[in-house]
PDB file of all heavy atoms in Angstrom:
ATOM      1  N   GLU A   1       0.854  -1.188  -0.002  1.00  0.00           N
ATOM      2  CA  GLU A   1       0.000  -0.048   0.051  1.00  0.00           C
ATOM      3  C   GLU A   1       0.892   1.144  -0.047  1.00  0.00           C
ATOM      4  O   GLU A   1       2.082   1.029   0.261  1.00  0.00           O
ATOM      5  CB  GLU A   1      -0.897   0.049   1.287  1.00  0.00           C
ATOM      6  CG  GLU A   1      -0.223   0.109   2.524  1.00  0.00           C
ATOM      7  CD  GLU A   1      -0.920   1.206   3.409  1.00  0.00           C
ATOM      8  OE1 GLU A   1      -2.037   1.573   3.213  1.00  0.00           O
ATOM      9  OE2 GLU A   1      -0.206   1.729   4.253  1.00  0.00           O
ATOM     10  N   PRO A   2       0.284   2.474  -0.220  1.00  0.00           N
ATOM     11  CA  PRO A   2       1.114   3.623  -0.218  1.00  0.00           C
ATOM     12  C   PRO A   2       1.967   3.833   1.031  1.00  0.00           C
ATOM     13  O   PRO A   2       1.368   3.466   2.107  1.00  0.00           O
ATOM     14  CB  PRO A   2       0.150   4.739  -0.469  1.00  0.00           C
ATOM     15  CG  PRO A   2      -1.020   4.016  -1.160  1.00  0.00           C
ATOM     16  CD  PRO A   2      -1.052   2.654  -0.531  1.00  0.00           C
ATOM     17  N   ALA A   3       3.166   4.452   0.912  1.00  0.00           N
ATOM     18  CA  ALA A   3       3.994   4.668   2.098  1.00  0.00           C
ATOM     19  C   ALA A   3       3.379   5.700   3.024  1.00  0.00           C
ATOM     20  O   ALA A   3       3.300   5.590   4.156  1.00  0.00           O
ATOM     21  CB  ALA A   3       5.305   5.089   1.691  1.00  0.00           C
ATOM     22  N   ARG A   4       2.793   6.632   2.508  1.00  0.00           N
ATOM     23  CA  ARG A   4       2.215   7.800   3.290  1.00  0.00           C
ATOM     24  C   ARG A   4       0.900   8.277   2.622  1.00  0.00           C
ATOM     25  O   ARG A   4       0.702   8.281   1.412  1.00  0.00           O
ATOM     26  CB  ARG A   4       3.169   8.932   3.290  1.00  0.00           C
ATOM     27  CG  ARG A   4       4.472   8.706   4.126  1.00  0.00           C
ATOM     28  CD  ARG A   4       4.132   8.702   5.523  1.00  0.00           C
ATOM     29  NE  ARG A   4       5.433   8.517   6.295  1.00  0.00           N
ATOM     30  CZ  ARG A   4       5.504   8.396   7.560  1.00  0.00           C
ATOM     31  NH1 ARG A   4       4.452   8.293   8.254  1.00  0.00           N
ATOM     32  NH2 ARG A   4       6.627   8.192   8.187  1.00  0.00           N
ATOM     33  N   GLY A   5      -0.052   8.740   3.432  1.00  0.00           N
ATOM     34  CA  GLY A   5      -1.265   9.302   2.952  1.00  0.00           C
ATOM     35  C   GLY A   5      -2.042   8.397   2.040  1.00  0.00           C
ATOM     36  O   GLY A   5      -2.118   7.216   2.192  1.00  0.00           O
ATOM     37  N   THR A   6      -2.728   8.943   1.117  1.00  0.00           N
ATOM     38  CA  THR A   6      -3.623   8.113   0.287  1.00  0.00           C
ATOM     39  C   THR A   6      -3.032   8.101  -1.182  1.00  0.00           C
ATOM     40  O   THR A   6      -3.717   7.671  -2.038  1.00  0.00           O
ATOM     41  CB  THR A   6      -5.035   8.699   0.156  1.00  0.00           C
ATOM     42  OG1 THR A   6      -4.876  10.167  -0.287  1.00  0.00           O
ATOM     43  CG2 THR A   6      -5.661   8.820   1.522  1.00  0.00           C
ATOM     44  N   GLN A   7      -1.858   8.552  -1.494  1.00  0.00           N
ATOM     45  CA  GLN A   7      -1.310   8.493  -2.789  1.00  0.00           C
ATOM     46  C   GLN A   7      -0.811   7.054  -3.012  1.00  0.00           C
ATOM     47  O   GLN A   7      -0.520   6.314  -2.166  1.00  0.00           O
ATOM     48  CB  GLN A   7      -0.229   9.563  -2.959  1.00  0.00           C
ATOM     49  CG  GLN A   7      -0.708  10.968  -2.673  1.00  0.00           C
ATOM     50  CD  GLN A   7      -1.744  11.335  -3.691  1.00  0.00           C
ATOM     51  OE1 GLN A   7      -1.649  11.198  -4.791  1.00  0.00           O
ATOM     52  NE2 GLN A   7      -2.817  12.026  -3.183  1.00  0.00           N
ATOM     53  N   SER A   8      -0.468   6.771  -4.210  1.00  0.00           N
ATOM     54  CA  SER A   8      -0.007   5.534  -4.618  1.00  0.00           C
ATOM     55  C   SER A   8       1.442   5.254  -4.361  1.00  0.00           C
ATOM     56  O   SER A   8       1.965   4.095  -4.330  1.00  0.00           O
ATOM     57  CB  SER A   8      -0.305   5.383  -6.204  1.00  0.00           C
ATOM     58  OG  SER A   8       0.438   6.317  -6.900  1.00  0.00           O
ATOM     59  N   THR A   9       2.282   6.396  -4.060  1.00  0.00           N
ATOM     60  CA  THR A   9       3.660   6.218  -3.732  1.00  0.00           C
ATOM     61  C   THR A   9       4.022   7.073  -2.637  1.00  0.00           C
ATOM     62  O   THR A   9       3.255   8.156  -2.327  1.00  0.00           O
ATOM     63  CB  THR A   9       4.591   6.522  -4.993  1.00  0.00           C
ATOM     64  OG1 THR A   9       4.307   8.017  -5.360  1.00  0.00           O
ATOM     65  CG2 THR A   9       4.259   5.547  -6.075  1.00  0.00           C
ATOM     66  N   GLY A  10       5.124   6.918  -1.976  1.00  0.00           N
ATOM     67  CA  GLY A  10       5.657   7.786  -0.898  1.00  0.00           C
ATOM     68  C   GLY A  10       6.465   8.894  -1.575  1.00  0.00           C
ATOM     69  O   GLY A  10       6.505   8.943  -2.750  1.00  0.00           O
ATOM     70  N   GLN A  11       7.166   9.628  -0.646  1.00  0.00           N
ATOM     71  CA  GLN A  11       8.073  10.685  -1.191  1.00  0.00           C
ATOM     72  C   GLN A  11       9.219  10.143  -2.113  1.00  0.00           C
ATOM     73  O   GLN A  11       9.550  10.879  -2.960  1.00  0.00           O
ATOM     74  CB  GLN A  11       8.619  11.350   0.007  1.00  0.00           C
ATOM     75  CG  GLN A  11       7.573  12.174   0.830  1.00  0.00           C
ATOM     76  CD  GLN A  11       8.130  12.878   2.108  1.00  0.00           C
ATOM     77  OE1 GLN A  11       9.301  12.714   2.318  1.00  0.00           O
ATOM     78  NE2 GLN A  11       7.475  13.740   2.692  1.00  0.00           N
ATOM     79  N   SER A  12       9.535   8.976  -1.808  1.00  0.00           N
ATOM     80  CA  SER A  12      10.614   8.332  -2.612  1.00  0.00           C
ATOM     81  C   SER A  12      10.110   7.826  -3.950  1.00  0.00           C
ATOM     82  O   SER A  12      10.881   7.400  -4.869  1.00  0.00           O
ATOM     83  CB  SER A  12      11.377   7.316  -1.879  1.00  0.00           C
ATOM     84  OG  SER A  12      10.300   6.224  -1.654  1.00  0.00           O
ATOM     85  N   GLY A  13       8.759   7.852  -4.114  1.00  0.00           N
ATOM     86  CA  GLY A  13       8.234   7.286  -5.324  1.00  0.00           C
ATOM     87  C   GLY A  13       8.163   5.799  -5.238  1.00  0.00           C
ATOM     88  O   GLY A  13       7.601   5.101  -6.277  1.00  0.00           O
ATOM     89  N   GLU A  14       8.362   5.049  -4.105  1.00  0.00           N
ATOM     90  CA  GLU A  14       8.268   3.615  -4.010  1.00  0.00           C
ATOM     91  C   GLU A  14       7.135   3.192  -2.939  1.00  0.00           C
ATOM     92  O   GLU A  14       6.779   4.104  -2.137  1.00  0.00           O
ATOM     93  CB  GLU A  14       9.576   3.125  -3.519  1.00  0.00           C
ATOM     94  CG  GLU A  14      10.679   3.319  -4.391  1.00  0.00           C
ATOM     95  CD  GLU A  14      12.039   2.816  -3.786  1.00  0.00           C
ATOM     96  OE1 GLU A  14      11.946   2.275  -2.653  1.00  0.00           O
ATOM     97  OE2 GLU A  14      13.045   2.788  -4.461  1.00  0.00           O
ATOM     98  N   ARG A  15       6.526   2.122  -3.373  1.00  0.00           N
ATOM     99  CA  ARG A  15       5.497   1.572  -2.397  1.00  0.00           C
ATOM    100  C   ARG A  15       6.037   0.904  -1.293  1.00  0.00           C
ATOM    101  O   ARG A  15       7.053   0.193  -1.403  1.00  0.00           O
ATOM    102  CB  ARG A  15       4.590   0.631  -3.193  1.00  0.00           C
ATOM    103  CG  ARG A  15       3.719   1.440  -4.232  1.00  0.00           C
ATOM    104  CD  ARG A  15       3.094   0.421  -5.112  1.00  0.00           C
ATOM    105  NE  ARG A  15       2.035  -0.288  -4.318  1.00  0.00           N
ATOM    106  CZ  ARG A  15       0.761   0.118  -4.158  1.00  0.00           C
ATOM    107  NH1 ARG A  15       0.361   1.304  -4.759  1.00  0.00           N
ATOM    108  NH2 ARG A  15      -0.158  -0.540  -3.422  1.00  0.00           N
ATOM    109  N   LYS A  16       5.474   1.050  -0.176  1.00  0.00           N
ATOM    110  CA  LYS A  16       6.066   0.466   1.076  1.00  0.00           C
ATOM    111  C   LYS A  16       5.342  -0.924   1.322  1.00  0.00           C
ATOM    112  O   LYS A  16       4.080  -1.059   1.200  1.00  0.00           O
ATOM    113  CB  LYS A  16       5.731   1.317   2.392  1.00  0.00           C
ATOM    114  CG  LYS A  16       6.107   0.744   3.640  1.00  0.00           C
ATOM    115  CD  LYS A  16       5.912   1.656   4.800  1.00  0.00           C
ATOM    116  CE  LYS A  16       6.986   2.773   4.775  1.00  0.00           C
ATOM    117  NZ  LYS A  16       6.904   3.479   6.089  1.00  0.00           N
ATOM    118  N   GLU A  17       6.101  -1.897   1.542  1.00  0.00           N
ATOM    119  CA  GLU A  17       5.482  -3.278   1.841  1.00  0.00           C
ATOM    120  C   GLU A  17       5.162  -3.348   3.288  1.00  0.00           C
ATOM    121  O   GLU A  17       5.859  -3.009   4.135  1.00  0.00           O
ATOM    122  CB  GLU A  17       6.782  -4.294   1.523  1.00  0.00           C
ATOM    123  CG  GLU A  17       6.193  -5.673   1.413  1.00  0.00           C
ATOM    124  CD  GLU A  17       5.408  -6.015   0.180  1.00  0.00           C
ATOM    125  OE1 GLU A  17       5.347  -5.154  -0.812  1.00  0.00           O
ATOM    126  OE2 GLU A  17       4.606  -6.917   0.088  1.00  0.00           O
ATOM    127  N   LEU A  18       4.038  -3.869   3.551  1.00  0.00           N
ATOM    128  CA  LEU A  18       3.546  -3.995   4.867  1.00  0.00           C
ATOM    129  C   LEU A  18       3.248  -5.366   5.268  1.00  0.00           C
ATOM    130  O   LEU A  18       3.191  -6.270   4.307  1.00  0.00           O
ATOM    131  CB  LEU A  18       2.126  -3.180   4.993  1.00  0.00           C
ATOM    132  CG  LEU A  18       2.239  -1.707   4.986  1.00  0.00           C
ATOM    133  CD1 LEU A  18       0.816  -1.021   5.107  1.00  0.00           C
ATOM    134  CD2 LEU A  18       2.993  -1.058   6.121  1.00  0.00           C
ATOM    135  N   PRO A  19       3.107  -5.757   6.495  1.00  0.00           N
ATOM    136  CA  PRO A  19       2.678  -7.093   6.922  1.00  0.00           C
ATOM    137  C   PRO A  19       1.479  -7.506   6.356  1.00  0.00           C
ATOM    138  O   PRO A  19       0.619  -6.622   6.097  1.00  0.00           O
ATOM    139  CB  PRO A  19       2.737  -6.943   8.452  1.00  0.00           C
ATOM    140  CG  PRO A  19       3.477  -5.813   8.835  1.00  0.00           C
ATOM    141  CD  PRO A  19       3.286  -4.786   7.640  1.00  0.00           C
ATOM    142  N   ARG A  20       1.375  -8.813   6.140  1.00  0.00           N
ATOM    143  CA  ARG A  20       0.063  -9.228   5.606  1.00  0.00           C
ATOM    144  C   ARG A  20      -0.860  -9.302   6.845  1.00  0.00           C
ATOM    145  O   ARG A  20      -0.648  -9.361   7.950  1.00  0.00           O
ATOM    146  CB  ARG A  20       0.288 -10.706   5.092  1.00  0.00           C
ATOM    147  CG  ARG A  20       0.757 -10.793   3.681  1.00  0.00           C
ATOM    148  CD  ARG A  20       1.011 -12.269   3.139  1.00  0.00           C
ATOM    149  NE  ARG A  20       1.257 -12.052   1.771  1.00  0.00           N
ATOM    150  CZ  ARG A  20       0.381 -12.380   0.715  1.00  0.00           C
ATOM    151  NH1 ARG A  20      -0.875 -12.699   1.078  1.00  0.00           N
ATOM    152  NH2 ARG A  20       0.804 -12.303  -0.558  1.00  0.00           N
ATOM    153  N   GLY A  21      -2.160  -9.148   6.425  1.00  0.00           N
ATOM    154  CA  GLY A  21      -3.226  -9.302   7.408  1.00  0.00           C
ATOM    155  C   GLY A  21      -3.715  -7.903   7.834  1.00  0.00           C
ATOM    156  O   GLY A  21      -3.399  -6.812   7.258  1.00  0.00           O
ATOM    157  N   CYS A  22      -4.421  -7.863   8.940  1.00  0.00           N
ATOM    158  CA  CYS A  22      -4.974  -6.509   9.480  1.00  0.00           C
ATOM    159  C   CYS A  22      -4.744  -6.476  11.024  1.00  0.00           C
ATOM    160  O   CYS A  22      -5.032  -7.539  11.710  1.00  0.00           O
ATOM    161  CB  CYS A  22      -6.434  -6.530   9.135  1.00  0.00           C
ATOM    162  SG  CYS A  22      -7.411  -5.322  10.042  1.00  0.00           S
ATOM    163  N   LEU A  23      -4.181  -5.343  11.425  1.00  0.00           N
ATOM    164  CA  LEU A  23      -3.934  -5.258  12.907  1.00  0.00           C
ATOM    165  C   LEU A  23      -5.188  -5.420  13.741  1.00  0.00           C
ATOM    166  O   LEU A  23      -5.035  -6.041  14.811  1.00  0.00           O
ATOM    167  CB  LEU A  23      -3.187  -3.912  13.151  1.00  0.00           C
ATOM    168  CG  LEU A  23      -2.872  -3.596  14.683  1.00  0.00           C
ATOM    169  CD1 LEU A  23      -1.808  -4.598  15.082  1.00  0.00           C
ATOM    170  CD2 LEU A  23      -2.442  -2.183  14.824  1.00  0.00           C
ATOM    171  N   MET A  24      -6.241  -4.865  13.244  1.00  0.00           N
ATOM    172  CA  MET A  24      -7.476  -4.889  14.050  1.00  0.00           C
ATOM    173  C   MET A  24      -8.101  -6.272  14.170  1.00  0.00           C
ATOM    174  O   MET A  24      -8.469  -6.744  15.151  1.00  0.00           O
ATOM    175  CB  MET A  24      -8.606  -3.879  13.510  1.00  0.00           C
ATOM    176  CG  MET A  24      -8.117  -2.504  13.592  1.00  0.00           C
ATOM    177  SD  MET A  24      -7.798  -1.947  15.294  1.00  0.00           S
ATOM    178  CE  MET A  24      -9.456  -2.062  16.088  1.00  0.00           C
ATOM    179  N   THR A  25      -8.058  -6.998  13.009  1.00  0.00           N
ATOM    180  CA  THR A  25      -8.414  -8.377  13.133  1.00  0.00           C
ATOM    181  C   THR A  25      -7.547  -9.233  13.826  1.00  0.00           C
ATOM    182  O   THR A  25      -7.971 -10.078  14.634  1.00  0.00           O
ATOM    183  CB  THR A  25      -8.529  -8.945  11.556  1.00  0.00           C
ATOM    184  OG1 THR A  25      -9.485  -8.182  10.902  1.00  0.00           O
ATOM    185  CG2 THR A  25      -9.018 -10.406  11.601  1.00  0.00           C
ATOM    186  N   ASN A  26      -6.161  -9.017  13.763  1.00  0.00           N
ATOM    187  CA  ASN A  26      -5.218  -9.799  14.523  1.00  0.00           C
ATOM    188  C   ASN A  26      -5.550  -9.524  16.043  1.00  0.00           C
ATOM    189  O   ASN A  26      -5.100 -10.376  16.884  1.00  0.00           O
ATOM    190  CB  ASN A  26      -3.773  -9.427  14.237  1.00  0.00           C
ATOM    191  CG  ASN A  26      -3.431  -9.795  12.888  1.00  0.00           C
ATOM    192  OD1 ASN A  26      -4.080 -10.553  12.287  1.00  0.00           O
ATOM    193  ND2 ASN A  26      -2.271  -9.200  12.340  1.00  0.00           N
ATOM    194  N   SER A  27      -6.209  -8.346  16.419  1.00  0.00           N
ATOM    195  CA  SER A  27      -6.369  -8.033  17.813  1.00  0.00           C
ATOM    196  C   SER A  27      -7.596  -8.773  18.287  1.00  0.00           C
ATOM    197  O   SER A  27      -7.894  -8.762  19.607  1.00  0.00           O
ATOM    198  CB  SER A  27      -6.610  -6.529  17.954  1.00  0.00           C
ATOM    199  OG  SER A  27      -5.506  -5.890  17.450  1.00  0.00           O
TER     200      SER A  27
END
């Protein structure tokens, strides 16, 4: 998903890889 905000890329122009799943569901 985007690194920051709602844009498709972060300031570096690269997408940030996040853990799989959902923190709220994991909770």
